[in-house]
Amino acid sequence: MTVTEDLRVRGIVVACGDGAAGFEEVDDVESIRVPSRPGKAEIDPLLGEHDHLVVSGTDADLGAVVLRLLRKDALSGVSVGYVPSSPDSSVAALWGLPKTPLQAVALALRGEVDPVPLIRDDVGGVLVGRGELRLVRGVAYADEQVALRGPASSVEVAPDPGGPGLSIRVVKGTLFKRPTTFYARAFQIGCIPTRPVSDDVVHERAVNKWTWYRHTEDLRLVRGTFG
């Protein structure tokens, strides 16, 4: 089986977890299987050998790989393709990635790099898709603008390509929801203890303050057309 004709395959597919496609049946595709949300031991050895990684897995898996690029100061030298294992991927919806696995891997292996904002948090993590604070009460700022003072049923944060870096959607109320959207370089909140969610992963402990902010370097994501 071929992905497409007359276009150069580059990089290696990193299949995260047992459920992720490795595309071993696709011609010319090299793949390696690693655990879900891989870490230093699995990803760092690949960085000296490959300047393009294709992550097959969940948004959390992609975030784990991107975190290693950040920690190794490799964001500028390594491009990343993504093949989501779920049709509900926030990253795929955000950046318009194909939903069909073969189309997604064809783009990821042979498409054009289109840098996108990379979001960090103040405890050393990254956000590649969607972050959320649920049933939160506190005072929050989007840059210098007050985004929340009091309770909210949810606060959703995502990378945004058209502005300073972050899109922040604050939803107040439970029956009659009143969403308000802010655009900023940073979002920070002081609140009653809550557990933030980043790329569908709930933070390990409750916190009374949290920050998401745009990193100084973009993520070199493949999402442009090929051919």
C-alpha atoms as a PDB file:
ATOM      1  CA  MET A   1       0.000   0.000   0.000  1.00  0.00           C
ATOM      2  CA  THR A   2       1.344   3.431  -0.861  1.00  0.00           C
ATOM      3  CA  VAL A   3       0.505   6.751   0.776  1.00  0.00           C
ATOM      4  CA  THR A   4       0.867   8.750  -2.425  1.00  0.00           C
ATOM      5  CA  GLU A   5       3.118   8.780  -5.473  1.00  0.00           C
ATOM      6  CA  ASP A   6       6.291  10.670  -6.367  1.00  0.00           C
ATOM      7  CA  LEU A   7       6.612  12.527  -3.081  1.00  0.00           C
ATOM      8  CA  ARG A   8       9.441  12.029  -0.618  1.00  0.00           C
ATOM      9  CA  VAL A   9       8.613  10.385   2.695  1.00  0.00           C
ATOM     10  CA  ARG A  10      10.513  11.963   5.579  1.00  0.00           C
ATOM     11  CA  GLY A  11      10.827  11.235   9.257  1.00  0.00           C
ATOM     12  CA  ILE A  12       9.614   8.389  11.412  1.00  0.00           C
ATOM     13  CA  VAL A  13       6.171   7.482  12.756  1.00  0.00           C
ATOM     14  CA  VAL A  14       6.076   7.340  16.560  1.00  0.00           C
ATOM     15  CA  ALA A  15       3.089   5.130  17.442  1.00  0.00           C
ATOM     16  CA  CYS A  16       2.075   5.908  21.019  1.00  0.00           C
ATOM     17  CA  GLY A  17       0.365   3.112  22.906  1.00  0.00           C
ATOM     18  CA  ASP A  18      -1.126  -0.146  21.713  1.00  0.00           C
ATOM     19  CA  GLY A  19      -4.105   1.511  20.036  1.00  0.00           C
ATOM     20  CA  ALA A  20      -2.170   3.893  17.791  1.00  0.00           C
ATOM     21  CA  ALA A  21      -1.637   3.035  14.134  1.00  0.00           C
ATOM     22  CA  GLY A  22       1.982   2.361  13.207  1.00  0.00           C
ATOM     23  CA  PHE A  23       1.327   2.168   9.452  1.00  0.00           C
ATOM     24  CA  GLU A  24       3.737  -0.739   9.059  1.00  0.00           C
ATOM     25  CA  GLU A  25       1.735  -1.832   5.998  1.00  0.00           C
ATOM     26  CA  VAL A  26       2.398   1.451   4.199  1.00  0.00           C
ATOM     27  CA  ASP A  27       5.327   1.444   1.769  1.00  0.00           C
ATOM     28  CA  ASP A  28       8.472   3.367   2.755  1.00  0.00           C
ATOM     29  CA  VAL A  29       7.185   4.212   6.240  1.00  0.00           C
ATOM     30  CA  GLU A  30       9.478   3.581   9.191  1.00  0.00           C
ATOM     31  CA  SER A  31       7.756   3.385  12.557  1.00  0.00           C
ATOM     32  CA  ILE A  32       8.561   2.744  16.190  1.00  0.00           C
ATOM     33  CA  ARG A  33       6.113   1.842  18.953  1.00  0.00           C
ATOM     34  CA  VAL A  34       6.405   3.587  22.311  1.00  0.00           C
ATOM     35  CA  PRO A  35       4.189   3.788  25.424  1.00  0.00           C
ATOM     36  CA  SER A  36       1.336   6.273  25.662  1.00  0.00           C
ATOM     37  CA  ARG A  37       2.554   9.766  26.594  1.00  0.00           C
ATOM     38  CA  PRO A  38       6.204   8.808  25.954  1.00  0.00           C
ATOM     39  CA  GLY A  39       8.997  10.481  27.860  1.00  0.00           C
ATOM     40  CA  LYS A  40      12.712  11.106  27.837  1.00  0.00           C
ATOM     41  CA  ALA A  41      13.800   7.482  27.393  1.00  0.00           C
ATOM     42  CA  GLU A  42      11.646   6.949  24.292  1.00  0.00           C
ATOM     43  CA  ILE A  43      11.840  10.309  22.500  1.00  0.00           C
ATOM     44  CA  ASP A  44      15.237  11.836  23.215  1.00  0.00           C
ATOM     45  CA  PRO A  45      17.232   9.146  21.336  1.00  0.00           C
ATOM     46  CA  LEU A  46      15.185   9.873  18.204  1.00  0.00           C
ATOM     47  CA  LEU A  47      16.040  13.567  18.180  1.00  0.00           C
ATOM     48  CA  GLY A  48      19.627  13.044  17.105  1.00  0.00           C
ATOM     49  CA  GLU A  49      18.580  10.823  14.202  1.00  0.00           C
ATOM     50  CA  HIS A  50      15.454  12.485  12.808  1.00  0.00           C
ATOM     51  CA  ASP A  51      14.487  16.062  12.062  1.00  0.00           C
ATOM     52  CA  HIS A  52      10.847  15.095  11.464  1.00  0.00           C
ATOM     53  CA  LEU A  53       8.625  13.068  13.790  1.00  0.00           C
ATOM     54  CA  VAL A  54       5.092  11.894  13.049  1.00  0.00           C
ATOM     55  CA  VAL A  55       3.122  11.266  16.226  1.00  0.00           C
ATOM     56  CA  SER A  56       0.354   8.687  15.929  1.00  0.00           C
ATOM     57  CA  GLY A  57      -1.855   8.741  19.007  1.00  0.00           C
ATOM     58  CA  THR A  58      -3.846  11.108  21.186  1.00  0.00           C
ATOM     59  CA  ASP A  59      -3.509  14.833  21.783  1.00  0.00           C
ATOM     60  CA  ALA A  60      -1.846  13.952  25.098  1.00  0.00           C
ATOM     61  CA  ASP A  61       0.689  11.788  23.247  1.00  0.00           C
ATOM     62  CA  LEU A  62       1.469  14.658  20.897  1.00  0.00           C
ATOM     63  CA  GLY A  63       1.880  16.972  23.877  1.00  0.00           C
ATOM     64  CA  ALA A  64       4.296  14.531  25.537  1.00  0.00           C
ATOM     65  CA  VAL A  65       6.485  14.409  22.418  1.00  0.00           C
ATOM     66  CA  VAL A  66       6.410  18.183  21.986  1.00  0.00           C
ATOM     67  CA  LEU A  67       7.412  18.584  25.634  1.00  0.00           C
ATOM     68  CA  ARG A  68      10.575  16.598  24.945  1.00  0.00           C
ATOM     69  CA  LEU A  69      11.348  18.886  21.984  1.00  0.00           C
ATOM     70  CA  LEU A  70      10.950  21.853  24.304  1.00  0.00           C
ATOM     71  CA  ARG A  71      13.119  20.333  27.026  1.00  0.00           C
ATOM     72  CA  LYS A  72      15.854  19.443  24.507  1.00  0.00           C
ATOM     73  CA  ASP A  73      15.703  22.874  22.840  1.00  0.00           C
ATOM     74  CA  ALA A  74      14.816  21.116  19.578  1.00  0.00           C
ATOM     75  CA  LEU A  75      11.691  23.021  18.515  1.00  0.00           C
ATOM     76  CA  SER A  76      13.498  24.947  15.796  1.00  0.00           C
ATOM     77  CA  GLY A  77      15.200  21.875  14.361  1.00  0.00           C
ATOM     78  CA  VAL A  78      12.458  19.242  14.406  1.00  0.00           C
ATOM     79  CA  SER A  79       9.147  19.388  12.554  1.00  0.00           C
ATOM     80  CA  VAL A  80       6.135  17.395  13.746  1.00  0.00           C
ATOM     81  CA  GLY A  81       3.318  15.662  11.898  1.00  0.00           C
ATOM     82  CA  TYR A  82       0.267  14.320  13.702  1.00  0.00           C
ATOM     83  CA  VAL A  83      -2.074  11.411  13.044  1.00  0.00           C
ATOM     84  CA  PRO A  84      -4.834  11.500  15.698  1.00  0.00           C
ATOM     85  CA  SER A  85      -6.168   8.179  16.926  1.00  0.00           C
ATOM     86  CA  SER A  86      -9.519   9.767  17.844  1.00  0.00           C
ATOM     87  CA  PRO A  87     -11.954  11.654  15.595  1.00  0.00           C
ATOM     88  CA  ASP A  88     -12.571  13.957  18.574  1.00  0.00           C
ATOM     89  CA  SER A  89      -9.022  15.320  18.560  1.00  0.00           C
ATOM     90  CA  SER A  90      -8.960  19.003  19.492  1.00  0.00           C
ATOM     91  CA  VAL A  91      -5.654  19.441  17.667  1.00  0.00           C
ATOM     92  CA  ALA A  92      -7.068  18.030  14.432  1.00  0.00           C
ATOM     93  CA  ALA A  93     -10.146  20.242  14.658  1.00  0.00           C
ATOM     94  CA  LEU A  94      -8.084  23.308  15.502  1.00  0.00           C
ATOM     95  CA  TRP A  95      -5.618  22.989  12.643  1.00  0.00           C
ATOM     96  CA  GLY A  96      -7.817  21.289  10.034  1.00  0.00           C
ATOM     97  CA  LEU A  97      -5.965  17.962   9.910  1.00  0.00           C
ATOM     98  CA  PRO A  98      -7.482  15.047   7.954  1.00  0.00           C
ATOM     99  CA  LYS A  99      -9.740  12.650   9.850  1.00  0.00           C
ATOM    100  CA  THR A 100      -8.996   9.620   7.673  1.00  0.00           C
ATOM    101  CA  PRO A 101      -5.845   7.833   8.952  1.00  0.00           C
ATOM    102  CA  LEU A 102      -4.229   7.299   5.550  1.00  0.00           C
ATOM    103  CA  GLN A 103      -4.869  10.885   4.511  1.00  0.00           C
ATOM    104  CA  ALA A 104      -3.544  12.076   7.858  1.00  0.00           C
ATOM    105  CA  VAL A 105      -0.320  10.061   7.622  1.00  0.00           C
ATOM    106  CA  ALA A 106       0.207  11.131   3.994  1.00  0.00           C
ATOM    107  CA  LEU A 107       0.002  14.772   5.048  1.00  0.00           C
ATOM    108  CA  ALA A 108       2.080  14.201   8.181  1.00  0.00           C
ATOM    109  CA  LEU A 109       4.897  12.528   6.228  1.00  0.00           C
ATOM    110  CA  ARG A 110       4.887  14.718   3.143  1.00  0.00           C
ATOM    111  CA  GLY A 111       3.111  17.961   3.893  1.00  0.00           C
ATOM    112  CA  GLU A 112       4.482  21.423   4.438  1.00  0.00           C
ATOM    113  CA  VAL A 113       5.497  22.852   7.791  1.00  0.00           C
ATOM    114  CA  ASP A 114       3.233  25.646   9.017  1.00  0.00           C
ATOM    115  CA  PRO A 115       4.408  26.971  12.419  1.00  0.00           C
ATOM    116  CA  VAL A 116       1.672  27.308  15.049  1.00  0.00           C
ATOM    117  CA  PRO A 117       1.665  28.798  18.564  1.00  0.00           C
ATOM    118  CA  LEU A 118       2.931  26.523  21.323  1.00  0.00           C
ATOM    119  CA  ILE A 119       1.328  27.042  24.721  1.00  0.00           C
ATOM    120  CA  ARG A 120       3.110  26.363  28.011  1.00  0.00           C
ATOM    121  CA  ASP A 121       1.946  26.320  31.608  1.00  0.00           C
ATOM    122  CA  ASP A 122       3.696  27.441  34.769  1.00  0.00           C
ATOM    123  CA  VAL A 123       4.380  23.930  36.063  1.00  0.00           C
ATOM    124  CA  GLY A 124       6.538  22.853  33.126  1.00  0.00           C
ATOM    125  CA  GLY A 125       3.925  21.394  30.773  1.00  0.00           C
ATOM    126  CA  VAL A 126       2.694  22.227  27.279  1.00  0.00           C
ATOM    127  CA  LEU A 127      -0.733  22.541  25.695  1.00  0.00           C
ATOM    128  CA  VAL A 128      -1.157  21.554  22.036  1.00  0.00           C
ATOM    129  CA  GLY A 129      -4.950  21.287  21.813  1.00  0.00           C
ATOM    130  CA  ARG A 130      -7.418  22.346  24.477  1.00  0.00           C
ATOM    131  CA  GLY A 131      -7.042  23.283  28.134  1.00  0.00           C
ATOM    132  CA  GLU A 132      -9.960  23.573  30.523  1.00  0.00           C
ATOM    133  CA  LEU A 133     -10.866  24.686  34.025  1.00  0.00           C
ATOM    134  CA  ARG A 134     -14.203  23.257  35.128  1.00  0.00           C
ATOM    135  CA  LEU A 135     -16.613  24.775  37.656  1.00  0.00           C
ATOM    136  CA  VAL A 136     -14.024  27.309  38.696  1.00  0.00           C
ATOM    137  CA  ARG A 137     -14.302  30.381  40.930  1.00  0.00           C
ATOM    138  CA  GLY A 138     -11.649  33.072  41.025  1.00  0.00           C
ATOM    139  CA  VAL A 139     -10.109  36.090  39.339  1.00  0.00           C
ATOM    140  CA  ALA A 140      -8.519  35.627  35.937  1.00  0.00           C
ATOM    141  CA  TYR A 141      -6.693  37.853  33.481  1.00  0.00           C
ATOM    142  CA  ALA A 142      -6.146  37.639  29.743  1.00  0.00           C
ATOM    143  CA  ASP A 143      -2.994  39.744  29.556  1.00  0.00           C
ATOM    144  CA  GLU A 144      -4.080  42.912  31.426  1.00  0.00           C
ATOM    145  CA  GLN A 145      -7.822  42.444  30.809  1.00  0.00           C
ATOM    146  CA  VAL A 146     -10.051  40.919  33.486  1.00  0.00           C
ATOM    147  CA  ALA A 147     -11.441  37.688  32.007  1.00  0.00           C
ATOM    148  CA  LEU A 148     -13.252  36.415  35.084  1.00  0.00           C
ATOM    149  CA  ARG A 149     -14.210  37.656  38.511  1.00  0.00           C
ATOM    150  CA  GLY A 150     -16.360  35.126  40.332  1.00  0.00           C
ATOM    151  CA  PRO A 151     -17.657  31.707  39.200  1.00  0.00           C
ATOM    152  CA  ALA A 152     -17.618  30.112  35.755  1.00  0.00           C
ATOM    153  CA  SER A 153     -18.926  26.763  34.586  1.00  0.00           C
ATOM    154  CA  SER A 154     -15.833  26.436  32.404  1.00  0.00           C
ATOM    155  CA  VAL A 155     -12.821  28.248  31.014  1.00  0.00           C
ATOM    156  CA  GLU A 156     -11.411  26.837  27.775  1.00  0.00           C
ATOM    157  CA  VAL A 157      -8.000  27.794  26.392  1.00  0.00           C
ATOM    158  CA  ALA A 158      -6.517  26.862  23.006  1.00  0.00           C
ATOM    159  CA  PRO A 159      -3.723  28.017  20.687  1.00  0.00           C
ATOM    160  CA  ASP A 160      -4.875  30.711  18.276  1.00  0.00           C
ATOM    161  CA  PRO A 161      -3.044  31.510  15.033  1.00  0.00           C
ATOM    162  CA  GLY A 162      -4.700  34.816  14.275  1.00  0.00           C
ATOM    163  CA  GLY A 163      -3.785  36.850  17.332  1.00  0.00           C
ATOM    164  CA  PRO A 164      -1.289  37.019  20.171  1.00  0.00           C
ATOM    165  CA  GLY A 165      -1.343  33.277  20.765  1.00  0.00           C
ATOM    166  CA  LEU A 166      -4.211  32.156  23.006  1.00  0.00           C
ATOM    167  CA  SER A 167      -7.960  31.975  22.603  1.00  0.00           C
ATOM    168  CA  ILE A 168      -9.778  31.989  25.966  1.00  0.00           C
ATOM    169  CA  ARG A 169     -13.473  31.139  26.193  1.00  0.00           C
ATOM    170  CA  VAL A 170     -15.126  31.862  29.521  1.00  0.00           C
ATOM    171  CA  VAL A 171     -18.585  30.343  30.084  1.00  0.00           C
ATOM    172  CA  LYS A 172     -20.619  31.687  32.984  1.00  0.00           C
ATOM    173  CA  GLY A 173     -23.806  30.117  34.259  1.00  0.00           C
ATOM    174  CA  THR A 174     -25.082  26.558  33.973  1.00  0.00           C
ATOM    175  CA  LEU A 175     -28.593  26.874  32.511  1.00  0.00           C
ATOM    176  CA  PHE A 176     -28.181  30.075  30.505  1.00  0.00           C
ATOM    177  CA  LYS A 177     -24.563  29.955  29.387  1.00  0.00           C
ATOM    178  CA  ARG A 178     -22.993  33.259  28.428  1.00  0.00           C
ATOM    179  CA  PRO A 179     -19.662  32.656  26.679  1.00  0.00           C
ATOM    180  CA  THR A 180     -17.111  35.434  26.304  1.00  0.00           C
ATOM    181  CA  THR A 181     -13.960  35.042  24.214  1.00  0.00           C
ATOM    182  CA  PHE A 182     -10.649  36.802  24.838  1.00  0.00           C
ATOM    183  CA  TYR A 183      -7.412  36.760  22.854  1.00  0.00           C
ATOM    184  CA  ALA A 184      -4.134  37.181  24.685  1.00  0.00           C
ATOM    185  CA  ARG A 185      -0.535  36.095  25.010  1.00  0.00           C
ATOM    186  CA  ALA A 186      -1.088  34.815  28.544  1.00  0.00           C
ATOM    187  CA  PHE A 187      -3.967  33.683  30.763  1.00  0.00           C
ATOM    188  CA  GLN A 188      -3.596  33.478  34.516  1.00  0.00           C
ATOM    189  CA  ILE A 189      -6.019  32.756  37.320  1.00  0.00           C
ATOM    190  CA  GLY A 190      -6.086  32.707  41.104  1.00  0.00           C
ATOM    191  CA  CYS A 191      -8.954  30.534  42.281  1.00  0.00           C
ATOM    192  CA  ILE A 192     -10.496  28.123  44.740  1.00  0.00           C
ATOM    193  CA  PRO A 193      -8.461  24.899  44.304  1.00  0.00           C
ATOM    194  CA  THR A 194      -9.210  23.182  41.026  1.00  0.00           C
ATOM    195  CA  ARG A 195      -7.581  20.583  38.773  1.00  0.00           C
ATOM    196  CA  PRO A 196      -6.765  21.964  35.306  1.00  0.00           C
ATOM    197  CA  VAL A 197      -7.194  19.730  32.265  1.00  0.00           C
ATOM    198  CA  SER A 198      -4.615  19.884  29.470  1.00  0.00           C
ATOM    199  CA  ASP A 199      -5.169  17.870  26.291  1.00  0.00           C
ATOM    200  CA  ASP A 200      -7.681  15.642  28.136  1.00  0.00           C
ATOM    201  CA  VAL A 201      -5.236  14.929  30.988  1.00  0.00           C
ATOM    202  CA  VAL A 202      -6.359  16.051  34.446  1.00  0.00           C
ATOM    203  CA  HIS A 203      -3.597  17.658  36.501  1.00  0.00           C
ATOM    204  CA  GLU A 204      -2.323  15.419  39.270  1.00  0.00           C
ATOM    205  CA  ARG A 205      -3.321  17.766  42.075  1.00  0.00           C
ATOM    206  CA  ALA A 206      -5.589  20.706  42.784  1.00  0.00           C
ATOM    207  CA  VAL A 207      -4.025  24.161  42.434  1.00  0.00           C
ATOM    208  CA  ASN A 208      -5.120  27.637  43.489  1.00  0.00           C
ATOM    209  CA  LYS A 209      -3.332  29.420  40.657  1.00  0.00           C
ATOM    210  CA  TRP A 210      -2.566  28.542  37.059  1.00  0.00           C
ATOM    211  CA  THR A 211      -1.069  30.138  33.966  1.00  0.00           C
ATOM    212  CA  TRP A 212      -1.111  29.273  30.275  1.00  0.00           C
ATOM    213  CA  TYR A 213       1.092  31.400  28.017  1.00  0.00           C
ATOM    214  CA  ARG A 214       2.535  31.462  24.526  1.00  0.00           C
ATOM    215  CA  HIS A 215       6.079  30.170  24.217  1.00  0.00           C
ATOM    216  CA  THR A 216       8.659  32.321  22.446  1.00  0.00           C
ATOM    217  CA  GLU A 217       9.108  29.643  19.737  1.00  0.00           C
ATOM    218  CA  ASP A 218       6.364  28.138  17.617  1.00  0.00           C
ATOM    219  CA  LEU A 219       5.721  24.450  17.040  1.00  0.00           C
ATOM    220  CA  ARG A 220       6.762  23.433  13.514  1.00  0.00           C
ATOM    221  CA  LEU A 221       3.573  21.503  12.758  1.00  0.00           C
ATOM    222  CA  VAL A 222       2.905  19.917   9.380  1.00  0.00           C
ATOM    223  CA  ARG A 223      -0.539  20.978   8.202  1.00  0.00           C
ATOM    224  CA  GLY A 224       0.106  22.455   4.756  1.00  0.00           C
ATOM    225  CA  THR A 225      -0.785  20.689   1.530  1.00  0.00           C
ATOM    226  CA  PHE A 226       1.557  18.478  -0.439  1.00  0.00           C
ATOM    227  CA  GLY A 227       1.862  17.791  -4.131  1.00  0.00           C
END
